[in-house]
Protein backbone atom coordinates (compact mmCIF):
# COMPACT_ATOMS: atom_id res chain seq x y z
CA MET A 1 -14.59 -4.77 7.05
CA LEU A 2 -11.21 -5.82 5.64
CA LYS A 3 -7.82 -4.45 6.62
CA ARG A 4 -4.95 -4.83 4.16
CA ILE A 5 -1.39 -4.51 5.46
CA VAL A 6 1.62 -4.60 3.14
CA LYS A 7 5.19 -4.84 4.46
CA LEU A 8 7.80 -3.25 2.22
CA GLU A 9 11.58 -3.37 2.44
CA LEU A 10 12.81 -0.32 0.53
CA LYS A 11 16.12 0.46 -1.11
CA GLU A 12 17.97 3.06 0.94
CA ASP A 13 18.15 5.52 -1.94
CA LYS A 14 14.45 5.04 -2.87
CA VAL A 15 12.70 5.79 0.43
CA ASP A 16 11.84 9.38 -0.52
CA SER A 17 10.62 8.28 -3.95
CA PHE A 18 8.34 5.65 -2.43
CA VAL A 19 6.86 8.06 0.12
CA THR A 20 6.23 10.58 -2.66
CA ILE A 21 4.51 7.96 -4.83
CA PHE A 22 2.28 7.01 -1.90
CA GLN A 23 1.42 10.58 -0.96
CA GLU A 24 0.65 11.59 -4.55
CA ARG A 25 -1.72 8.63 -5.00
CA GLU A 26 -3.29 8.37 -1.57
CA ASN A 27 -6.38 10.45 -2.40
CA THR A 28 -7.04 8.48 -5.58
CA ILE A 29 -6.88 5.23 -3.62
CA LEU A 30 -9.36 6.71 -1.15
CA SER A 31 -11.68 7.60 -4.01
CA PHE A 32 -12.12 3.93 -4.96
CA GLU A 33 -15.51 2.58 -3.99
CA GLY A 34 -15.33 0.77 -0.67
CA CYS A 35 -12.03 2.27 0.48
CA GLU A 36 -12.43 3.83 3.91
CA GLU A 37 -8.86 4.63 4.94
CA VAL A 38 -5.23 4.38 3.80
CA GLY A 39 -1.97 5.15 5.52
CA ILE A 40 1.74 4.50 5.74
CA TYR A 41 3.99 3.65 8.68
CA LYS A 42 7.75 3.37 9.12
CA ASP A 43 9.15 0.65 11.34
CA ALA A 44 10.38 2.18 14.61
CA GLU A 45 13.64 0.22 14.53
CA LYS A 46 14.37 -0.53 10.87
CA ASP A 47 15.02 2.52 8.71
CA PHE A 48 14.00 0.96 5.40
CA THR A 49 11.00 -1.12 6.49
CA TYR A 50 7.62 0.45 5.76
CA PHE A 51 4.04 -0.70 6.03
CA THR A 52 1.02 0.50 4.13
CA TYR A 53 -2.48 -0.21 5.27
CA SER A 54 -5.90 0.22 3.81
CA ILE A 55 -9.38 -0.44 5.12
CA TRP A 56 -12.06 -1.72 2.74
CA GLU A 57 -15.75 -2.46 3.09
CA ASP A 58 -15.06 -6.03 1.96
CA VAL A 59 -12.73 -8.19 -0.12
CA SER A 60 -14.62 -7.51 -3.36
CA HIS A 61 -13.86 -3.78 -3.12
CA LEU A 62 -10.17 -4.49 -2.49
CA GLU A 63 -10.08 -6.87 -5.45
CA ASN A 64 -11.73 -4.29 -7.72
CA TYR A 65 -8.98 -1.86 -6.76
CA ARG A 66 -6.21 -4.46 -7.18
CA HIS A 67 -7.44 -5.26 -10.71
CA SER A 68 -7.60 -1.61 -11.78
CA ALA A 69 -5.25 0.07 -14.26
CA PHE A 70 -4.47 2.63 -11.53
CA PHE A 71 -3.23 -0.10 -9.17
CA ARG A 72 -1.12 -1.77 -11.88
CA GLU A 73 0.51 1.58 -12.73
CA THR A 74 1.09 2.46 -9.07
CA TRP A 75 2.48 -0.97 -8.21
CA ALA A 76 4.89 -0.84 -11.17
CA LEU A 77 6.23 2.52 -9.94
CA ALA A 78 6.43 1.38 -6.32
CA LYS A 79 8.24 -1.88 -7.16
CA THR A 80 11.24 0.10 -8.42
CA CYS A 81 11.76 1.16 -4.78
CA PHE A 82 11.68 -2.34 -3.25
CA ALA A 83 14.78 -4.07 -1.91
CA ASP A 84 12.85 -7.32 -1.41
CA LYS A 85 9.52 -8.90 -2.26
CA ALA A 86 6.53 -7.25 -0.59
CA MET A 87 4.52 -9.23 1.95
CA ALA A 88 0.77 -8.64 2.27
CA TRP A 89 -2.00 -9.68 4.62
CA SER A 90 -5.77 -9.23 4.34
CA LEU A 91 -7.33 -9.29 7.81
CA VAL A 92 -10.82 -9.35 9.25
CA GLU A 93 -11.58 -8.57 12.87
CA ILE A 94 -12.94 -11.38 15.03
């Protein structure tokens, strides 16, 4: 199992847009083969810092998603909301 966490610093005036983009696309992400869960969190202390997470059967399923036209389109929309470069981690439990 692979957990993907992405840290996002959002523009103050784009928070609502980003959340809407995520919510509108969440079910489609979940429909990708190997995707078990997705979610979004807001930092408890920083108003414009958000984290998305997803759980995948393995890295190959995540990579299939990341190379899809749907991901490219979604990422292009989401990037318009970023105040800084996104940071991402792919994690496996030990």
